[in-house]
Amino acid sequence: MAVKKLDEAFLVLSDGRPLIATKAAAPVASGKPKFAGHISIEKHKLMHRSHQAEDIRKAVSTSHCSQPNTIEYEMAMEWRLLQEKSECWWKELYKQEDLELDKVKRNHLILTANKKLDK
């Protein structure tokens, strides 16, 4: 519609230049693409499907857990050993703390009992 009106009359822009319009169709590419990377979507889909099927056929079943012959397993074993050592250290620390608290409580009770006797 706009192109038809421009064919019948002309439009001048504010700076004095005439506005010109033409109707043209985009050229349709034919044959093999001339540039690398220009592939049709259908061709790409077919290639993608064939790769998926090939990947599925080549897939190897793997275990969810780490296996003894991997670095992951070695690191996990080392981590567990350090965790066990840490738990032992904390237990020993808490035991020592309880003994010290009992000693302080006994000393406090003895001191308060002595003070009561002195009065």
N, C-alpha and C. Protein backbone atom coordinates (compact mmCIF):
# COMPACT_ATOMS: atom_id res chain seq x y z
N MET A 1 0.82 -1.19 0.00
CA MET A 1 0.00 0.00 0.00
C MET A 1 0.87 1.26 0.00
N ALA A 2 1.87 1.27 0.87
CA ALA A 2 2.75 2.45 0.94
C ALA A 2 3.56 2.60 -0.32
N VAL A 3 4.03 1.47 -0.88
CA VAL A 3 4.82 1.52 -2.11
C VAL A 3 3.96 2.03 -3.26
N LYS A 4 2.70 1.62 -3.31
CA LYS A 4 1.78 2.08 -4.37
C LYS A 4 1.60 3.59 -4.29
N LYS A 5 1.43 4.11 -3.07
CA LYS A 5 1.27 5.56 -2.89
C LYS A 5 2.52 6.31 -3.31
N LEU A 6 3.69 5.74 -3.02
CA LEU A 6 4.94 6.38 -3.42
C LEU A 6 5.14 6.34 -4.93
N ASP A 7 4.56 5.32 -5.60
CA ASP A 7 4.61 5.28 -7.07
C ASP A 7 3.76 6.39 -7.67
N GLU A 8 2.62 6.68 -7.04
CA GLU A 8 1.69 7.70 -7.56
C GLU A 8 2.17 9.11 -7.24
N ALA A 9 2.79 9.31 -6.14
CA ALA A 9 3.26 10.63 -5.73
C ALA A 9 4.62 10.46 -5.10
N PHE A 10 5.23 11.51 -4.67
CA PHE A 10 6.52 11.39 -4.00
C PHE A 10 6.47 12.10 -2.66
N LEU A 11 7.34 11.68 -1.80
CA LEU A 11 7.40 12.21 -0.44
C LEU A 11 8.78 12.82 -0.25
N VAL A 12 8.81 14.03 0.28
CA VAL A 12 10.08 14.71 0.54
C VAL A 12 10.29 14.76 2.04
N LEU A 13 11.46 14.31 2.48
CA LEU A 13 11.79 14.34 3.91
C LEU A 13 12.06 15.76 4.36
N SER A 14 12.14 15.99 5.67
CA SER A 14 12.30 17.33 6.22
C SER A 14 13.60 18.01 5.77
N ASP A 15 14.61 17.21 5.44
CA ASP A 15 15.86 17.82 4.98
C ASP A 15 15.90 18.00 3.46
N GLY A 16 14.78 17.74 2.76
CA GLY A 16 14.67 17.99 1.32
C GLY A 16 14.99 16.79 0.44
N ARG A 17 15.36 15.66 1.04
CA ARG A 17 15.65 14.47 0.23
C ARG A 17 14.36 13.75 -0.11
N PRO A 18 14.21 13.22 -1.33
CA PRO A 18 13.01 12.47 -1.69
C PRO A 18 13.09 11.05 -1.15
N LEU A 19 11.96 10.50 -0.74
CA LEU A 19 11.88 9.13 -0.25
C LEU A 19 11.46 8.25 -1.41
N ILE A 20 12.22 7.22 -1.70
CA ILE A 20 11.95 6.32 -2.81
C ILE A 20 11.78 4.91 -2.26
N ALA A 21 10.81 4.15 -2.78
CA ALA A 21 10.59 2.78 -2.34
C ALA A 21 10.37 1.89 -3.55
N THR A 22 10.83 0.67 -3.45
CA THR A 22 10.59 -0.32 -4.50
C THR A 22 10.18 -1.63 -3.86
N LYS A 23 9.47 -2.43 -4.61
CA LYS A 23 9.02 -3.73 -4.12
C LYS A 23 9.94 -4.78 -4.73
N ALA A 24 10.54 -5.61 -3.88
CA ALA A 24 11.45 -6.64 -4.38
C ALA A 24 11.30 -7.89 -3.53
N ALA A 25 11.49 -9.03 -4.14
CA ALA A 25 11.44 -10.30 -3.42
C ALA A 25 12.87 -10.73 -3.11
N ALA A 26 13.03 -11.37 -1.96
CA ALA A 26 14.35 -11.85 -1.58
C ALA A 26 14.75 -12.99 -2.50
N PRO A 27 16.00 -13.02 -2.94
CA PRO A 27 16.42 -14.11 -3.83
C PRO A 27 16.44 -15.44 -3.09
N VAL A 28 16.04 -16.49 -3.76
CA VAL A 28 16.03 -17.83 -3.17
C VAL A 28 17.33 -18.52 -3.53
N ALA A 29 18.01 -19.03 -2.53
CA ALA A 29 19.27 -19.72 -2.77
C ALA A 29 19.01 -21.06 -3.41
N SER A 30 19.80 -21.40 -4.37
CA SER A 30 19.64 -22.70 -5.03
C SER A 30 20.99 -23.40 -5.06
N GLY A 31 20.91 -24.70 -5.00
CA GLY A 31 22.15 -25.49 -5.08
C GLY A 31 22.88 -25.55 -3.76
N LYS A 32 24.15 -25.92 -3.86
CA LYS A 32 25.00 -26.10 -2.69
C LYS A 32 25.42 -24.74 -2.12
N PRO A 33 25.40 -24.57 -0.80
CA PRO A 33 25.84 -23.31 -0.21
C PRO A 33 27.29 -23.01 -0.58
N LYS A 34 27.61 -21.75 -0.81
CA LYS A 34 28.95 -21.37 -1.23
C LYS A 34 29.87 -21.05 -0.06
N PHE A 35 29.29 -20.81 1.13
CA PHE A 35 30.10 -20.42 2.28
C PHE A 35 30.13 -21.54 3.31
N ALA A 36 31.26 -21.72 3.95
CA ALA A 36 31.39 -22.72 5.02
C ALA A 36 30.47 -22.32 6.17
N GLY A 37 29.78 -23.28 6.72
CA GLY A 37 28.89 -23.00 7.85
C GLY A 37 27.46 -22.80 7.42
N HIS A 38 27.21 -22.67 6.13
CA HIS A 38 25.83 -22.51 5.65
C HIS A 38 25.26 -23.89 5.36
N ILE A 39 24.50 -24.41 6.31
CA ILE A 39 23.85 -25.71 6.08
C ILE A 39 22.37 -25.54 6.32
N SER A 40 21.62 -26.36 5.64
CA SER A 40 20.17 -26.26 5.83
C SER A 40 19.81 -26.89 7.17
N ILE A 41 18.73 -26.45 7.75
CA ILE A 41 18.30 -26.94 9.05
C ILE A 41 17.92 -28.41 8.97
N GLU A 42 17.27 -28.81 7.90
CA GLU A 42 16.88 -30.22 7.75
C GLU A 42 18.11 -31.12 7.75
N LYS A 43 19.13 -30.70 7.01
CA LYS A 43 20.36 -31.49 6.95
C LYS A 43 20.99 -31.57 8.33
N HIS A 44 20.98 -30.48 9.05
CA HIS A 44 21.55 -30.44 10.40
C HIS A 44 20.77 -31.38 11.33
N LYS A 45 19.44 -31.38 11.23
CA LYS A 45 18.62 -32.26 12.07
C LYS A 45 18.95 -33.72 11.80
N LEU A 46 19.09 -34.07 10.53
CA LEU A 46 19.41 -35.46 10.18
C LEU A 46 20.78 -35.85 10.73
N MET A 47 21.75 -34.94 10.59
CA MET A 47 23.09 -35.22 11.11
C MET A 47 23.04 -35.38 12.62
N HIS A 48 22.28 -34.53 13.30
CA HIS A 48 22.18 -34.56 14.76
C HIS A 48 21.56 -35.88 15.22
N ARG A 49 20.52 -36.32 14.53
CA ARG A 49 19.86 -37.59 14.90
C ARG A 49 20.80 -38.77 14.73
N SER A 50 21.56 -38.78 13.65
CA SER A 50 22.47 -39.90 13.42
C SER A 50 23.57 -39.92 14.48
N HIS A 51 24.04 -38.72 14.89
CA HIS A 51 25.04 -38.66 15.95
C HIS A 51 24.47 -39.15 17.27
N GLN A 52 23.21 -38.80 17.56
CA GLN A 52 22.58 -39.25 18.80
C GLN A 52 22.48 -40.76 18.82
N ALA A 53 22.02 -41.34 17.71
CA ALA A 53 21.87 -42.79 17.64
C ALA A 53 23.23 -43.46 17.83
N GLU A 54 24.27 -42.90 17.21
CA GLU A 54 25.61 -43.46 17.33
C GLU A 54 26.11 -43.35 18.77
N ASP A 55 25.85 -42.20 19.41
CA ASP A 55 26.26 -42.02 20.80
C ASP A 55 25.56 -43.01 21.72
N ILE A 56 24.29 -43.25 21.46
CA ILE A 56 23.53 -44.19 22.28
C ILE A 56 24.10 -45.60 22.12
N ARG A 57 24.45 -45.97 20.89
CA ARG A 57 25.01 -47.30 20.66
C ARG A 57 26.38 -47.44 21.33
N LYS A 58 27.16 -46.36 21.37
CA LYS A 58 28.51 -46.42 21.94
C LYS A 58 28.52 -46.20 23.45
N ALA A 59 27.37 -45.86 24.03
CA ALA A 59 27.32 -45.53 25.45
C ALA A 59 27.77 -46.72 26.30
N VAL A 60 28.51 -46.42 27.35
CA VAL A 60 29.01 -47.44 28.26
C VAL A 60 28.32 -47.24 29.60
N SER A 61 27.90 -48.32 30.20
CA SER A 61 27.26 -48.24 31.50
C SER A 61 28.30 -47.91 32.56
N THR A 62 28.00 -46.92 33.39
CA THR A 62 28.93 -46.55 34.45
C THR A 62 28.24 -46.67 35.80
N SER A 63 29.01 -46.91 36.80
CA SER A 63 28.49 -47.05 38.15
C SER A 63 28.22 -45.68 38.76
N HIS A 64 27.21 -45.61 39.62
CA HIS A 64 26.91 -44.35 40.30
C HIS A 64 27.98 -44.04 41.34
N CYS A 65 28.50 -45.06 41.98
CA CYS A 65 29.51 -44.87 43.02
C CYS A 65 30.91 -44.92 42.40
N SER A 66 31.86 -44.32 43.10
CA SER A 66 33.23 -44.33 42.58
C SER A 66 33.80 -45.75 42.67
N GLN A 67 34.69 -46.06 41.77
CA GLN A 67 35.29 -47.39 41.69
C GLN A 67 36.69 -47.35 42.29
N PRO A 68 37.16 -48.49 42.83
CA PRO A 68 38.46 -48.53 43.49
C PRO A 68 39.65 -48.15 42.60
N ASN A 69 39.50 -48.19 41.30
CA ASN A 69 40.63 -47.90 40.42
C ASN A 69 40.64 -46.46 39.92
N THR A 70 39.98 -45.54 40.64
CA THR A 70 39.93 -44.15 40.19
C THR A 70 40.51 -43.21 41.24
N ILE A 71 40.93 -42.04 40.79
CA ILE A 71 41.46 -41.03 41.71
C ILE A 71 40.35 -40.54 42.65
N GLU A 72 39.12 -40.54 42.15
CA GLU A 72 37.98 -40.13 42.97
C GLU A 72 37.86 -41.02 44.20
N TYR A 73 38.03 -42.32 43.98
CA TYR A 73 37.94 -43.29 45.08
C TYR A 73 39.05 -43.05 46.10
N GLU A 74 40.27 -42.86 45.59
CA GLU A 74 41.41 -42.61 46.47
C GLU A 74 41.18 -41.37 47.33
N MET A 75 40.70 -40.32 46.69
CA MET A 75 40.45 -39.07 47.42
C MET A 75 39.33 -39.24 48.44
N ALA A 76 38.31 -40.01 48.08
CA ALA A 76 37.20 -40.25 49.01
C ALA A 76 37.68 -41.03 50.23
N MET A 77 38.54 -42.02 50.01
CA MET A 77 39.06 -42.81 51.13
C MET A 77 39.91 -41.94 52.05
N GLU A 78 40.72 -41.09 51.45
CA GLU A 78 41.55 -40.18 52.24
C GLU A 78 40.67 -39.22 53.05
N TRP A 79 39.61 -38.74 52.43
CA TRP A 79 38.67 -37.83 53.11
C TRP A 79 38.01 -38.51 54.30
N ARG A 80 37.55 -39.75 54.09
CA ARG A 80 36.91 -40.49 55.19
C ARG A 80 37.88 -40.72 56.34
N LEU A 81 39.14 -41.03 56.03
CA LEU A 81 40.14 -41.24 57.06
C LEU A 81 40.33 -39.96 57.87
N LEU A 82 40.43 -38.82 57.18
CA LEU A 82 40.57 -37.54 57.88
C LEU A 82 39.34 -37.22 58.71
N GLN A 83 38.16 -37.56 58.21
CA GLN A 83 36.93 -37.35 58.99
C GLN A 83 36.95 -38.16 60.27
N GLU A 84 37.35 -39.43 60.17
CA GLU A 84 37.41 -40.29 61.36
C GLU A 84 38.40 -39.75 62.38
N LYS A 85 39.56 -39.30 61.89
CA LYS A 85 40.55 -38.73 62.81
C LYS A 85 39.99 -37.49 63.48
N SER A 86 39.33 -36.65 62.71
CA SER A 86 38.75 -35.42 63.26
C SER A 86 37.70 -35.74 64.33
N GLU A 87 36.85 -36.73 64.04
CA GLU A 87 35.84 -37.11 65.04
C GLU A 87 36.49 -37.60 66.33
N CYS A 88 37.58 -38.34 66.21
CA CYS A 88 38.29 -38.80 67.41
C CYS A 88 38.88 -37.62 68.18
N TRP A 89 39.46 -36.67 67.46
CA TRP A 89 40.02 -35.49 68.13
C TRP A 89 38.93 -34.73 68.87
N TRP A 90 37.78 -34.54 68.25
CA TRP A 90 36.70 -33.80 68.89
C TRP A 90 36.18 -34.55 70.11
N LYS A 91 36.02 -35.87 70.01
CA LYS A 91 35.56 -36.67 71.17
C LYS A 91 36.54 -36.53 72.33
N GLU A 92 37.83 -36.62 72.02
CA GLU A 92 38.85 -36.50 73.06
C GLU A 92 38.82 -35.10 73.68
N LEU A 93 38.64 -34.08 72.85
CA LEU A 93 38.57 -32.71 73.34
C LEU A 93 37.37 -32.53 74.27
N TYR A 94 36.20 -33.05 73.85
CA TYR A 94 34.99 -32.94 74.69
C TYR A 94 35.16 -33.70 76.01
N LYS A 95 35.80 -34.85 75.95
CA LYS A 95 36.04 -35.64 77.17
C LYS A 95 36.93 -34.86 78.13
N GLN A 96 38.00 -34.26 77.58
CA GLN A 96 38.91 -33.47 78.40
C GLN A 96 38.19 -32.24 78.98
N GLU A 97 37.37 -31.61 78.17
CA GLU A 97 36.61 -30.45 78.63
C GLU A 97 35.66 -30.84 79.76
N ASP A 98 34.98 -31.98 79.63
CA ASP A 98 34.08 -32.44 80.70
C ASP A 98 34.85 -32.69 82.00
N LEU A 99 36.04 -33.29 81.89
CA LEU A 99 36.84 -33.54 83.10
C LEU A 99 37.24 -32.22 83.76
N GLU A 100 37.65 -31.25 82.93
CA GLU A 100 38.04 -29.95 83.48
C GLU A 100 36.86 -29.23 84.12
N LEU A 101 35.68 -29.32 83.48
CA LEU A 101 34.48 -28.69 84.05
C LEU A 101 34.09 -29.34 85.38
N ASP A 102 34.19 -30.68 85.42
CA ASP A 102 33.89 -31.38 86.69
C ASP A 102 34.84 -30.93 87.79
N LYS A 103 36.13 -30.78 87.45
CA LYS A 103 37.13 -30.34 88.42
C LYS A 103 36.81 -28.93 88.92
N VAL A 104 36.44 -28.03 87.99
CA VAL A 104 36.10 -26.66 88.37
C VAL A 104 34.86 -26.65 89.26
N LYS A 105 33.85 -27.46 88.91
CA LYS A 105 32.62 -27.52 89.71
C LYS A 105 32.92 -28.03 91.12
N ARG A 106 33.76 -29.08 91.22
CA ARG A 106 34.10 -29.62 92.54
C ARG A 106 34.83 -28.58 93.38
N ASN A 107 35.77 -27.88 92.73
CA ASN A 107 36.50 -26.83 93.46
C ASN A 107 35.56 -25.72 93.90
N HIS A 108 34.61 -25.38 93.06
CA HIS A 108 33.65 -24.35 93.41
C HIS A 108 32.76 -24.80 94.58
N LEU A 109 32.33 -26.05 94.54
CA LEU A 109 31.50 -26.57 95.63
C LEU A 109 32.28 -26.61 96.94
N ILE A 110 33.55 -27.00 96.84
CA ILE A 110 34.39 -27.05 98.05
C ILE A 110 34.57 -25.65 98.62
N LEU A 111 34.83 -24.68 97.75
CA LEU A 111 35.03 -23.30 98.21
C LEU A 111 33.75 -22.74 98.84
N THR A 112 32.59 -22.98 98.21
CA THR A 112 31.34 -22.47 98.78
C THR A 112 31.01 -23.17 100.08
N ALA A 113 31.33 -24.45 100.20
CA ALA A 113 31.08 -25.19 101.45
C ALA A 113 32.00 -24.65 102.54
N ASN A 114 33.24 -24.38 102.24
CA ASN A 114 34.19 -23.84 103.22
C ASN A 114 33.75 -22.45 103.70
N LYS A 115 33.24 -21.64 102.78
CA LYS A 115 32.77 -20.32 103.15
C LYS A 115 31.59 -20.40 104.10
N LYS A 116 30.69 -21.36 103.86
CA LYS A 116 29.53 -21.53 104.74
C LYS A 116 29.95 -21.99 106.13
N LEU A 117 30.97 -22.84 106.19
CA LEU A 117 31.46 -23.34 107.48
C LEU A 117 32.15 -22.22 108.26
N ASP A 118 32.84 -21.34 107.57
CA ASP A 118 33.53 -20.25 108.23
C ASP A 118 32.56 -19.25 108.86
N LYS A 119 31.39 -19.13 108.36
CA LYS A 119 30.43 -18.17 108.89
C LYS A 119 29.86 -18.69 110.12
